[in-house]
Amino acid sequence: MVMRVLVTGGAGYIGSHLVDRLVHLGHNVTVIDNLSTGSLQNLHGAQPHIEFVEGSILDEALVERLVRGTDVVFHLAAAVGVGHIVEKPLASLITNVRGAEHVIGAAMAYDKRLLVASTSEIYGKTKKMPMSEDDDRVLGSTTIARWGYSTAKAIDEHLALAHAAEGRRVSVVRYFNSYGPRLDPRGYGSVVANLMRQALNNEPLTVHGDGTQTRCFTYVTDTVECTVRAGLDDGAQGLVFNVGNDRETTILELARKIIALTGSRSDVSFVSYEARYGKSFEDTVRRVPDVRRARDVLNFSARVDLDEGLQRTLTWWRETYA
């Protein structure tokens, strides 16, 4: 069945890959993006087949008009990246709360199927591993800007799930460290992008702390496949899904993999969190998703391992920025 689909933030890194996938599936796709971090170049292959609207989710009237003309809404537009959140906490909160309210409100007013993209930041600094969708959240003080992102996205989830409890067609996905082609080369919100840029420039690779903190990296095709299933499958309605794989990698190991892969002359440079983010910054030591719900409900498991995904990302990077 061909559907009319709206993707907010569709010119961004994940959003543009989602647009490509939806076009490939035969759907009619509209994208809204303010191009603050997204790029029209990301939509180069899809542009003949989509409608692109340059605009902001803070424009309530525009959002309402676009939502009214669609069947399904994938809401990915957000202020992301720890550095950005710490540096611009107010603007980030407004985008991630008020903007989401506009999208969710319009989708519910016109009875549209809605997928809300959230984040593994939801879990905060919990020590329980793996992180399951129904686990408690453990956050730091409100004086620490980093936790504002987690809180804002939690508000989005609460709002979406409150509508789901009323019988509305809503689902939520939480992304775990997605990476792949179209990453912002400036490293916006991505440790993979930062390290790859530094390696290719033969600069020291910046590793915060002692590098023993772990993450689970998810190649973008896997991220998108789970997102599509969560957004379109009837069995996903009313549920939250972790989107990722459960293989842990230390940041130091990631840096060394990238140095070896690129053939870089770089060394690793250990930089304190305080030097980068200020005295009040807090990081999470581990972040590992429980992936059973996505497997059981959506029949989804991540397929691309880190070595293969990094090679694909490097190939794209060299083709694009050579």
C-alpha atoms as a PDB file:
ATOM      1  CA  MET A   1       0.000   0.000   0.000  1.00  0.00           C
ATOM      2  CA  VAL A   2       1.438   3.338  -1.076  1.00  0.00           C
ATOM      3  CA  MET A   3       1.274   5.945   1.664  1.00  0.00           C
ATOM      4  CA  ARG A   4       1.949   9.650   1.989  1.00  0.00           C
ATOM      5  CA  VAL A   5       4.780  10.006   4.510  1.00  0.00           C
ATOM      6  CA  LEU A   6       6.154  13.095   6.245  1.00  0.00           C
ATOM      7  CA  VAL A   7       9.701  12.959   7.622  1.00  0.00           C
ATOM      8  CA  THR A   8      10.719  15.814   9.923  1.00  0.00           C
ATOM      9  CA  GLY A   9      14.468  16.345   9.911  1.00  0.00           C
ATOM     10  CA  GLY A  10      14.590  14.397   6.680  1.00  0.00           C
ATOM     11  CA  ALA A  11      17.701  16.140   5.331  1.00  0.00           C
ATOM     12  CA  GLY A  12      19.748  15.024   8.315  1.00  0.00           C
ATOM     13  CA  TYR A  13      22.069  12.055   8.577  1.00  0.00           C
ATOM     14  CA  ILE A  14      19.544   9.414   9.709  1.00  0.00           C
ATOM     15  CA  GLY A  15      16.568  11.235   8.243  1.00  0.00           C
ATOM     16  CA  SER A  16      17.917  11.247   4.696  1.00  0.00           C
ATOM     17  CA  HIS A  17      18.665   7.525   4.804  1.00  0.00           C
ATOM     18  CA  LEU A  18      15.115   6.975   6.063  1.00  0.00           C
ATOM     19  CA  VAL A  19      13.794   9.045   3.152  1.00  0.00           C
ATOM     20  CA  ASP A  20      15.769   6.912   0.697  1.00  0.00           C
ATOM     21  CA  ARG A  21      14.333   3.744   2.195  1.00  0.00           C
ATOM     22  CA  LEU A  22      10.752   5.013   2.125  1.00  0.00           C
ATOM     23  CA  VAL A  23      11.120   6.118  -1.511  1.00  0.00           C
ATOM     24  CA  HIS A  24      12.546   2.697  -2.350  1.00  0.00           C
ATOM     25  CA  LEU A  25       9.470   1.117  -0.761  1.00  0.00           C
ATOM     26  CA  GLY A  26       7.302   3.182  -3.117  1.00  0.00           C
ATOM     27  CA  HIS A  27       5.840   5.708  -0.710  1.00  0.00           C
ATOM     28  CA  ASN A  28       5.206   9.386  -1.464  1.00  0.00           C
ATOM     29  CA  VAL A  29       7.539  11.329   0.829  1.00  0.00           C
ATOM     30  CA  THR A  30       7.548  14.929   2.040  1.00  0.00           C
ATOM     31  CA  VAL A  31      10.513  16.269   4.003  1.00  0.00           C
ATOM     32  CA  ILE A  32      10.618  19.261   6.321  1.00  0.00           C
ATOM     33  CA  ASP A  33      14.029  20.431   7.490  1.00  0.00           C
ATOM     34  CA  ASN A  34      15.475  23.816   8.442  1.00  0.00           C
ATOM     35  CA  LEU A  35      18.937  22.734   7.182  1.00  0.00           C
ATOM     36  CA  SER A  36      20.600  23.840  10.422  1.00  0.00           C
ATOM     37  CA  THR A  37      22.502  20.556  10.523  1.00  0.00           C
ATOM     38  CA  GLY A  38      20.930  18.707   7.592  1.00  0.00           C
ATOM     39  CA  SER A  39      21.933  19.190   3.971  1.00  0.00           C
ATOM     40  CA  LEU A  40      20.201  19.104   0.612  1.00  0.00           C
ATOM     41  CA  GLN A  41      23.166  17.078  -0.620  1.00  0.00           C
ATOM     42  CA  ASN A  42      21.972  14.258   1.634  1.00  0.00           C
ATOM     43  CA  LEU A  43      18.761  14.158  -0.409  1.00  0.00           C
ATOM     44  CA  HIS A  44      20.451  14.325  -3.804  1.00  0.00           C
ATOM     45  CA  GLY A  45      19.369  10.852  -4.885  1.00  0.00           C
ATOM     46  CA  ALA A  46      15.844  11.161  -3.516  1.00  0.00           C
ATOM     47  CA  GLN A  47      14.998  14.722  -4.594  1.00  0.00           C
ATOM     48  CA  PRO A  48      13.356  13.824  -7.917  1.00  0.00           C
ATOM     49  CA  HIS A  49      10.909  11.640  -5.983  1.00  0.00           C
ATOM     50  CA  ILE A  50      10.092  13.762  -2.920  1.00  0.00           C
ATOM     51  CA  GLU A  51       8.676  17.119  -1.901  1.00  0.00           C
ATOM     52  CA  PHE A  52      11.149  19.158   0.140  1.00  0.00           C
ATOM     53  CA  VAL A  53       9.999  21.991   2.405  1.00  0.00           C
ATOM     54  CA  GLU A  54      12.599  24.187   4.053  1.00  0.00           C
ATOM     55  CA  GLY A  55      11.121  25.125   7.387  1.00  0.00           C
ATOM     56  CA  SER A  56      11.122  24.589  11.124  1.00  0.00           C
ATOM     57  CA  ILE A  57       9.027  22.367  13.375  1.00  0.00           C
ATOM     58  CA  LEU A  58       8.682  25.489  15.534  1.00  0.00           C
ATOM     59  CA  ASP A  59       6.404  26.860  12.785  1.00  0.00           C
ATOM     60  CA  GLU A  60       3.169  25.383  14.086  1.00  0.00           C
ATOM     61  CA  ALA A  61       1.009  26.392  11.124  1.00  0.00           C
ATOM     62  CA  LEU A  62       3.453  24.879   8.631  1.00  0.00           C
ATOM     63  CA  VAL A  63       3.699  21.650  10.604  1.00  0.00           C
ATOM     64  CA  GLU A  64      -0.081  21.388  10.801  1.00  0.00           C
ATOM     65  CA  ARG A  65      -0.454  21.880   7.056  1.00  0.00           C
ATOM     66  CA  LEU A  66       2.119  19.245   6.199  1.00  0.00           C
ATOM     67  CA  VAL A  67       0.821  16.695   8.690  1.00  0.00           C
ATOM     68  CA  ARG A  68      -2.745  17.148   7.487  1.00  0.00           C
ATOM     69  CA  GLY A  69      -1.765  15.968   4.002  1.00  0.00           C
ATOM     70  CA  THR A  70      -0.018  12.755   5.049  1.00  0.00           C
ATOM     71  CA  ASP A  71      -0.817   9.263   6.330  1.00  0.00           C
ATOM     72  CA  VAL A  72       2.282   8.617   8.454  1.00  0.00           C
ATOM     73  CA  VAL A  73       4.675  10.948  10.259  1.00  0.00           C
ATOM     74  CA  PHE A  74       8.260  10.052  11.162  1.00  0.00           C
ATOM     75  CA  HIS A  75       9.445  12.695  13.621  1.00  0.00           C
ATOM     76  CA  LEU A  76      13.249  12.882  13.603  1.00  0.00           C
ATOM     77  CA  ALA A  77      13.875  16.641  13.730  1.00  0.00           C
ATOM     78  CA  ALA A  78      15.727  17.571  16.919  1.00  0.00           C
ATOM     79  CA  ALA A  79      18.707  19.350  18.383  1.00  0.00           C
ATOM     80  CA  VAL A  80      21.212  16.556  18.995  1.00  0.00           C
ATOM     81  CA  GLY A  81      24.810  16.045  20.045  1.00  0.00           C
ATOM     82  CA  VAL A  82      26.107  16.453  23.565  1.00  0.00           C
ATOM     83  CA  GLY A  83      28.362  19.361  22.624  1.00  0.00           C
ATOM     84  CA  HIS A  84      25.497  21.261  21.011  1.00  0.00           C
ATOM     85  CA  ILE A  85      23.179  20.610  23.961  1.00  0.00           C
ATOM     86  CA  VAL A  86      25.763  21.830  26.458  1.00  0.00           C
ATOM     87  CA  GLU A  87      26.622  24.931  24.411  1.00  0.00           C
ATOM     88  CA  LYS A  88      23.023  25.917  23.509  1.00  0.00           C
ATOM     89  CA  PRO A  89      20.770  24.449  26.195  1.00  0.00           C
ATOM     90  CA  LEU A  90      17.853  26.869  25.798  1.00  0.00           C
ATOM     91  CA  ALA A  91      17.532  26.616  22.012  1.00  0.00           C
ATOM     92  CA  SER A  92      17.888  22.849  22.250  1.00  0.00           C
ATOM     93  CA  LEU A  93      15.137  22.531  24.842  1.00  0.00           C
ATOM     94  CA  ILE A  94      12.769  24.703  22.827  1.00  0.00           C
ATOM     95  CA  THR A  95      13.333  22.682  19.657  1.00  0.00           C
ATOM     96  CA  ASN A  96      13.099  19.315  21.367  1.00  0.00           C
ATOM     97  CA  VAL A  97      10.027  20.099  23.460  1.00  0.00           C
ATOM     98  CA  ARG A  98       7.980  22.772  21.703  1.00  0.00           C
ATOM     99  CA  GLY A  99       8.796  21.501  18.234  1.00  0.00           C
ATOM    100  CA  ALA A 100       7.856  17.965  19.191  1.00  0.00           C
ATOM    101  CA  GLU A 101       4.615  19.218  20.723  1.00  0.00           C
ATOM    102  CA  HIS A 102       3.706  20.777  17.369  1.00  0.00           C
ATOM    103  CA  VAL A 103       4.404  17.567  15.443  1.00  0.00           C
ATOM    104  CA  ILE A 104       2.746  15.221  17.930  1.00  0.00           C
ATOM    105  CA  GLY A 105      -0.222  17.526  18.412  1.00  0.00           C
ATOM    106  CA  ALA A 106      -0.874  17.824  14.686  1.00  0.00           C
ATOM    107  CA  ALA A 107      -0.487  14.087  14.121  1.00  0.00           C
ATOM    108  CA  MET A 108      -2.995  13.338  16.851  1.00  0.00           C
ATOM    109  CA  ALA A 109      -5.417  16.073  15.749  1.00  0.00           C
ATOM    110  CA  TYR A 110      -5.582  14.546  12.272  1.00  0.00           C
ATOM    111  CA  ASP A 111      -5.352  10.911  13.433  1.00  0.00           C
ATOM    112  CA  LYS A 112      -2.060  10.130  11.684  1.00  0.00           C
ATOM    113  CA  ARG A 113       0.229   7.206  12.400  1.00  0.00           C
ATOM    114  CA  LEU A 114       3.263   8.614  14.257  1.00  0.00           C
ATOM    115  CA  LEU A 115       6.816   7.444  14.929  1.00  0.00           C
ATOM    116  CA  VAL A 116       8.811   9.523  17.427  1.00  0.00           C
ATOM    117  CA  ALA A 117      12.589   9.180  17.314  1.00  0.00           C
ATOM    118  CA  SER A 118      14.195   9.345  20.738  1.00  0.00           C
ATOM    119  CA  THR A 119      17.603   8.517  22.162  1.00  0.00           C
ATOM    120  CA  SER A 120      19.596   6.221  24.412  1.00  0.00           C
ATOM    121  CA  GLU A 121      20.266   9.367  26.469  1.00  0.00           C
ATOM    122  CA  ILE A 122      16.855   8.609  27.980  1.00  0.00           C
ATOM    123  CA  TYR A 123      18.499   6.104  30.321  1.00  0.00           C
ATOM    124  CA  GLY A 124      20.871   8.670  31.791  1.00  0.00           C
ATOM    125  CA  LYS A 125      23.655   7.248  33.920  1.00  0.00           C
ATOM    126  CA  THR A 126      22.023   4.019  35.017  1.00  0.00           C
ATOM    127  CA  LYS A 127      24.407   1.180  35.806  1.00  0.00           C
ATOM    128  CA  LYS A 128      21.900  -1.528  34.856  1.00  0.00           C
ATOM    129  CA  MET A 129      22.973  -3.321  31.685  1.00  0.00           C
ATOM    130  CA  PRO A 130      21.624  -4.047  29.200  1.00  0.00           C
ATOM    131  CA  MET A 131      19.204  -1.121  29.131  1.00  0.00           C
ATOM    132  CA  SER A 132      15.625  -2.302  28.675  1.00  0.00           C
ATOM    133  CA  GLU A 133      12.856  -0.089  27.363  1.00  0.00           C
ATOM    134  CA  ASP A 134      10.904  -0.180  30.638  1.00  0.00           C
ATOM    135  CA  ASP A 135      13.896   0.419  32.938  1.00  0.00           C
ATOM    136  CA  ASP A 136      14.131   3.308  35.380  1.00  0.00           C
ATOM    137  CA  ARG A 137      15.902   6.458  34.258  1.00  0.00           C
ATOM    138  CA  VAL A 138      18.831   7.735  36.354  1.00  0.00           C
ATOM    139  CA  LEU A 139      19.758  11.371  35.817  1.00  0.00           C
ATOM    140  CA  GLY A 140      21.987  13.999  37.364  1.00  0.00           C
ATOM    141  CA  SER A 141      21.190  17.471  38.625  1.00  0.00           C
ATOM    142  CA  THR A 142      19.212  20.023  36.617  1.00  0.00           C
ATOM    143  CA  THR A 143      22.254  22.285  36.939  1.00  0.00           C
ATOM    144  CA  ILE A 144      24.054  19.978  34.488  1.00  0.00           C
ATOM    145  CA  ALA A 145      22.962  20.943  30.967  1.00  0.00           C
ATOM    146  CA  ARG A 146      23.624  17.512  29.526  1.00  0.00           C
ATOM    147  CA  TRP A 147      20.580  16.017  31.267  1.00  0.00           C
ATOM    148  CA  GLY A 148      18.299  18.567  29.622  1.00  0.00           C
ATOM    149  CA  TYR A 149      18.462  16.578  26.395  1.00  0.00           C
ATOM    150  CA  SER A 150      17.411  13.376  28.119  1.00  0.00           C
ATOM    151  CA  THR A 151      14.619  15.196  29.926  1.00  0.00           C
ATOM    152  CA  ALA A 152      13.327  16.903  26.786  1.00  0.00           C
ATOM    153  CA  LYS A 153      13.198  13.653  24.839  1.00  0.00           C
ATOM    154  CA  ALA A 154      11.506  11.977  27.814  1.00  0.00           C
ATOM    155  CA  ILE A 155       8.797  14.629  27.673  1.00  0.00           C
ATOM    156  CA  ASP A 156       8.331  13.818  23.981  1.00  0.00           C
ATOM    157  CA  GLU A 157       8.030  10.132  24.827  1.00  0.00           C
ATOM    158  CA  HIS A 158       5.573  10.763  27.673  1.00  0.00           C
ATOM    159  CA  LEU A 159       3.417  12.877  25.388  1.00  0.00           C
ATOM    160  CA  ALA A 160       3.483  10.305  22.602  1.00  0.00           C
ATOM    161  CA  LEU A 161       2.783   7.391  24.927  1.00  0.00           C
ATOM    162  CA  ALA A 162      -0.050   9.257  26.648  1.00  0.00           C
ATOM    163  CA  HIS A 163      -1.747   9.473  23.254  1.00  0.00           C
ATOM    164  CA  ALA A 164      -0.974   5.804  22.657  1.00  0.00           C
ATOM    165  CA  ALA A 165      -2.737   4.995  25.931  1.00  0.00           C
ATOM    166  CA  GLU A 166      -5.792   6.709  24.472  1.00  0.00           C
ATOM    167  CA  GLY A 167      -5.690   4.270  21.553  1.00  0.00           C
ATOM    168  CA  ARG A 168      -3.770   6.432  19.105  1.00  0.00           C
ATOM    169  CA  ARG A 169      -1.298   4.980  16.589  1.00  0.00           C
ATOM    170  CA  VAL A 170       2.056   5.937  18.049  1.00  0.00           C
ATOM    171  CA  SER A 171       5.444   4.240  18.536  1.00  0.00           C
ATOM    172  CA  VAL A 172       8.860   5.366  19.791  1.00  0.00           C
ATOM    173  CA  VAL A 173      12.427   4.366  18.899  1.00  0.00           C
ATOM    174  CA  ARG A 174      15.569   5.044  20.905  1.00  0.00           C
ATOM    175  CA  TYR A 175      18.744   5.290  18.840  1.00  0.00           C
ATOM    176  CA  PHE A 176      22.061   3.908  20.073  1.00  0.00           C
ATOM    177  CA  ASN A 177      25.108   5.533  18.427  1.00  0.00           C
ATOM    178  CA  SER A 178      24.187   5.327  14.777  1.00  0.00           C
ATOM    179  CA  TYR A 179      26.982   5.910  12.258  1.00  0.00           C
ATOM    180  CA  GLY A 180      27.607   5.603   8.523  1.00  0.00           C
ATOM    181  CA  PRO A 181      27.649   7.631   5.293  1.00  0.00           C
ATOM    182  CA  ARG A 182      26.404  11.231   5.511  1.00  0.00           C
ATOM    183  CA  LEU A 183      27.752  11.813   8.990  1.00  0.00           C
ATOM    184  CA  ASP A 184      28.541  15.487   9.414  1.00  0.00           C
ATOM    185  CA  PRO A 185      32.316  15.729   8.862  1.00  0.00           C
ATOM    186  CA  ARG A 186      32.480  18.318  11.645  1.00  0.00           C
ATOM    187  CA  GLY A 187      31.603  15.494  14.016  1.00  0.00           C
ATOM    188  CA  TYR A 188      28.253  16.927  15.017  1.00  0.00           C
ATOM    189  CA  GLY A 189      26.836  14.465  17.534  1.00  0.00           C
ATOM    190  CA  SER A 190      29.068  11.573  16.440  1.00  0.00           C
ATOM    191  CA  VAL A 191      32.279  10.209  17.914  1.00  0.00           C
ATOM    192  CA  VAL A 192      32.826   8.144  14.743  1.00  0.00           C
ATOM    193  CA  ALA A 193      32.781  11.279  12.591  1.00  0.00           C
ATOM    194  CA  ASN A 194      35.141  13.147  14.907  1.00  0.00           C
ATOM    195  CA  LEU A 195      37.664  10.325  15.038  1.00  0.00           C
ATOM    196  CA  MET A 196      37.513   9.600  11.311  1.00  0.00           C
ATOM    197  CA  ARG A 197      38.039  13.247  10.388  1.00  0.00           C
ATOM    198  CA  GLN A 198      41.017  13.492  12.732  1.00  0.00           C
ATOM    199  CA  ALA A 199      42.524  10.243  11.460  1.00  0.00           C
ATOM    200  CA  LEU A 200      42.243  11.228   7.806  1.00  0.00           C
ATOM    201  CA  ASN A 201      43.877  14.568   8.604  1.00  0.00           C
ATOM    202  CA  ASN A 202      46.647  12.781  10.562  1.00  0.00           C
ATOM    203  CA  GLU A 203      45.646  14.730  13.652  1.00  0.00           C
ATOM    204  CA  PRO A 204      45.621  13.317  17.196  1.00  0.00           C
ATOM    205  CA  LEU A 205      42.413  11.375  17.828  1.00  0.00           C
ATOM    206  CA  THR A 206      40.594  12.938  20.767  1.00  0.00           C
ATOM    207  CA  VAL A 207      39.495  10.402  23.376  1.00  0.00           C
ATOM    208  CA  HIS A 208      37.806  11.795  26.464  1.00  0.00           C
ATOM    209  CA  GLY A 209      38.679  10.442  29.882  1.00  0.00           C
ATOM    210  CA  ASP A 210      40.657   7.206  29.781  1.00  0.00           C
ATOM    211  CA  GLY A 211      38.783   5.764  26.784  1.00  0.00           C
ATOM    212  CA  THR A 212      37.379   2.774  28.670  1.00  0.00           C
ATOM    213  CA  GLN A 213      33.797   4.025  28.383  1.00  0.00           C
ATOM    214  CA  THR A 214      31.824   1.769  26.034  1.00  0.00           C
ATOM    215  CA  ARG A 215      29.160   2.277  23.401  1.00  0.00           C
ATOM    216  CA  CYS A 216      27.280   0.004  20.988  1.00  0.00           C
ATOM    217  CA  PHE A 217      27.588   1.322  17.437  1.00  0.00           C
ATOM    218  CA  THR A 218      24.782   0.779  14.924  1.00  0.00           C
ATOM    219  CA  TYR A 219      25.282   1.102  11.181  1.00  0.00           C
ATOM    220  CA  VAL A 220      22.766   3.440   9.584  1.00  0.00           C
ATOM    221  CA  THR A 221      21.036   0.849   7.370  1.00  0.00           C
ATOM    222  CA  ASP A 222      20.205  -1.102  10.506  1.00  0.00           C
ATOM    223  CA  THR A 223      19.028   2.049  12.263  1.00  0.00           C
ATOM    224  CA  VAL A 224      16.711   2.853   9.365  1.00  0.00           C
ATOM    225  CA  GLU A 225      15.351  -0.661   8.897  1.00  0.00           C
ATOM    226  CA  CYS A 226      14.241  -0.846  12.521  1.00  0.00           C
ATOM    227  CA  THR A 227      12.781   2.667  12.300  1.00  0.00           C
ATOM    228  CA  VAL A 228      10.684   1.769   9.255  1.00  0.00           C
ATOM    229  CA  ARG A 229       9.356  -1.371  10.892  1.00  0.00           C
ATOM    230  CA  ALA A 230       8.516   0.452  14.112  1.00  0.00           C
ATOM    231  CA  GLY A 231       6.782   3.213  12.155  1.00  0.00           C
ATOM    232  CA  LEU A 232       4.705   1.038   9.844  1.00  0.00           C
ATOM    233  CA  ASP A 233       4.053  -2.310  11.574  1.00  0.00           C
ATOM    234  CA  ASP A 234       0.753  -2.467  13.430  1.00  0.00           C
ATOM    235  CA  GLY A 235       2.316  -4.568  16.176  1.00  0.00           C
ATOM    236  CA  ALA A 236       4.635  -1.702  17.108  1.00  0.00           C
ATOM    237  CA  GLN A 237       1.878   0.669  18.144  1.00  0.00           C
ATOM    238  CA  GLY A 238       2.087   1.839  21.739  1.00  0.00           C
ATOM    239  CA  LEU A 239       5.612   0.466  22.221  1.00  0.00           C
ATOM    240  CA  VAL A 240       9.136   1.812  22.687  1.00  0.00           C
ATOM    241  CA  PHE A 241      12.040   0.098  20.917  1.00  0.00           C
ATOM    242  CA  ASN A 242      15.775   0.237  21.444  1.00  0.00           C
ATOM    243  CA  VAL A 243      17.424   0.531  18.036  1.00  0.00           C
ATOM    244  CA  GLY A 244      20.944  -0.812  18.058  1.00  0.00           C
ATOM    245  CA  ASN A 245      23.145  -3.810  18.485  1.00  0.00           C
ATOM    246  CA  ASP A 246      24.463  -5.145  21.776  1.00  0.00           C
ATOM    247  CA  ARG A 247      28.180  -5.462  21.018  1.00  0.00           C
ATOM    248  CA  GLU A 248      30.169  -3.141  23.273  1.00  0.00           C
ATOM    249  CA  THR A 249      33.227  -1.273  22.043  1.00  0.00           C
ATOM    250  CA  THR A 250      35.417   1.029  24.117  1.00  0.00           C
ATOM    251  CA  ILE A 251      36.065   4.465  22.677  1.00  0.00           C
ATOM    252  CA  LEU A 252      39.792   3.736  22.798  1.00  0.00           C
ATOM    253  CA  GLU A 253      39.262   0.534  20.805  1.00  0.00           C
ATOM    254  CA  LEU A 254      37.171   2.493  18.293  1.00  0.00           C
ATOM    255  CA  ALA A 255      39.940   5.068  17.903  1.00  0.00           C
ATOM    256  CA  ARG A 256      42.528   2.361  17.280  1.00  0.00           C
ATOM    257  CA  LYS A 257      40.287   0.626  14.740  1.00  0.00           C
ATOM    258  CA  ILE A 258      39.888   3.871  12.815  1.00  0.00           C
ATOM    259  CA  ILE A 259      43.640   4.586  12.868  1.00  0.00           C
ATOM    260  CA  ALA A 260      44.352   1.106  11.505  1.00  0.00           C
ATOM    261  CA  LEU A 261      41.581   1.265   8.916  1.00  0.00           C
ATOM    262  CA  THR A 262      42.599   4.646   7.540  1.00  0.00           C
ATOM    263  CA  GLY A 263      46.343   4.008   7.688  1.00  0.00           C
ATOM    264  CA  SER A 264      46.639   7.240   9.643  1.00  0.00           C
ATOM    265  CA  ARG A 265      49.849   8.494  11.248  1.00  0.00           C
ATOM    266  CA  SER A 266      47.771   9.789  14.139  1.00  0.00           C
ATOM    267  CA  ASP A 267      48.173   8.994  17.812  1.00  0.00           C
ATOM    268  CA  VAL A 268      45.477   8.992  20.481  1.00  0.00           C
ATOM    269  CA  SER A 269      45.195  12.148  22.586  1.00  0.00           C
ATOM    270  CA  PHE A 270      43.458  11.757  25.950  1.00  0.00           C
ATOM    271  CA  VAL A 271      41.483  14.877  26.857  1.00  0.00           C
ATOM    272  CA  SER A 272      39.594  15.397  30.101  1.00  0.00           C
ATOM    273  CA  TYR A 273      35.846  15.915  30.011  1.00  0.00           C
ATOM    274  CA  GLU A 274      36.339  19.138  31.937  1.00  0.00           C
ATOM    275  CA  ALA A 275      38.581  20.550  29.226  1.00  0.00           C
ATOM    276  CA  ARG A 276      35.931  19.913  26.558  1.00  0.00           C
ATOM    277  CA  TYR A 277      32.613  20.377  28.350  1.00  0.00           C
ATOM    278  CA  GLY A 278      33.330  22.227  31.596  1.00  0.00           C
ATOM    279  CA  LYS A 279      33.524  21.234  35.247  1.00  0.00           C
ATOM    280  CA  SER A 280      29.932  20.080  35.677  1.00  0.00           C
ATOM    281  CA  PHE A 281      29.856  17.590  32.794  1.00  0.00           C
ATOM    282  CA  GLU A 282      28.943  13.963  33.473  1.00  0.00           C
ATOM    283  CA  ASP A 283      29.385  11.021  31.106  1.00  0.00           C
ATOM    284  CA  THR A 284      27.988   7.503  31.142  1.00  0.00           C
ATOM    285  CA  VAL A 285      30.470   4.653  31.529  1.00  0.00           C
ATOM    286  CA  ARG A 286      28.512   2.060  29.539  1.00  0.00           C
ATOM    287  CA  ARG A 287      25.516   2.135  27.221  1.00  0.00           C
ATOM    288  CA  VAL A 288      24.240  -1.247  26.056  1.00  0.00           C
ATOM    289  CA  PRO A 289      20.736  -1.821  24.652  1.00  0.00           C
ATOM    290  CA  ASP A 290      18.498  -4.760  25.391  1.00  0.00           C
ATOM    291  CA  VAL A 291      17.474  -5.640  21.836  1.00  0.00           C
ATOM    292  CA  ARG A 292      14.953  -8.382  22.573  1.00  0.00           C
ATOM    293  CA  ARG A 293      11.814  -6.325  21.985  1.00  0.00           C
ATOM    294  CA  ALA A 294      12.873  -5.235  18.493  1.00  0.00           C
ATOM    295  CA  ARG A 295      13.758  -8.843  17.716  1.00  0.00           C
ATOM    296  CA  ASP A 296      10.541 -10.327  19.104  1.00  0.00           C
ATOM    297  CA  VAL A 297       8.038  -7.733  17.871  1.00  0.00           C
ATOM    298  CA  LEU A 298       9.662  -6.408  14.697  1.00  0.00           C
ATOM    299  CA  ASN A 299      11.765  -9.419  13.741  1.00  0.00           C
ATOM    300  CA  PHE A 300      14.716  -7.045  13.630  1.00  0.00           C
ATOM    301  CA  SER A 301      18.352  -7.684  14.477  1.00  0.00           C
ATOM    302  CA  ALA A 302      21.290  -5.501  13.479  1.00  0.00           C
ATOM    303  CA  ARG A 303      23.251  -7.111  10.644  1.00  0.00           C
ATOM    304  CA  VAL A 304      26.277  -4.908   9.938  1.00  0.00           C
ATOM    305  CA  ASP A 305      29.212  -5.377  12.313  1.00  0.00           C
ATOM    306  CA  LEU A 306      31.474  -2.499  13.297  1.00  0.00           C
ATOM    307  CA  ASP A 307      34.436  -3.391  11.083  1.00  0.00           C
ATOM    308  CA  GLU A 308      32.279  -3.633   7.967  1.00  0.00           C
ATOM    309  CA  GLY A 309      30.333  -0.500   8.845  1.00  0.00           C
ATOM    310  CA  LEU A 310      33.481   1.540   9.412  1.00  0.00           C
ATOM    311  CA  GLN A 311      34.864   0.378   6.065  1.00  0.00           C
ATOM    312  CA  ARG A 312      31.661   1.446   4.286  1.00  0.00           C
ATOM    313  CA  THR A 313      31.765   4.791   6.079  1.00  0.00           C
ATOM    314  CA  LEU A 314      35.400   5.357   5.138  1.00  0.00           C
ATOM    315  CA  THR A 315      34.716   4.501   1.499  1.00  0.00           C
ATOM    316  CA  TRP A 316      31.915   7.078   1.384  1.00  0.00           C
ATOM    317  CA  TRP A 317      34.021   9.659   3.200  1.00  0.00           C
ATOM    318  CA  ARG A 318      36.874   9.354   0.726  1.00  0.00           C
ATOM    319  CA  GLU A 319      34.539   9.463  -2.273  1.00  0.00           C
ATOM    320  CA  THR A 320      32.818  12.558  -0.898  1.00  0.00           C
ATOM    321  CA  TYR A 321      35.701  14.572   0.542  1.00  0.00           C
ATOM    322  CA  ALA A 322      38.684  13.398  -1.511  1.00  0.00           C
END
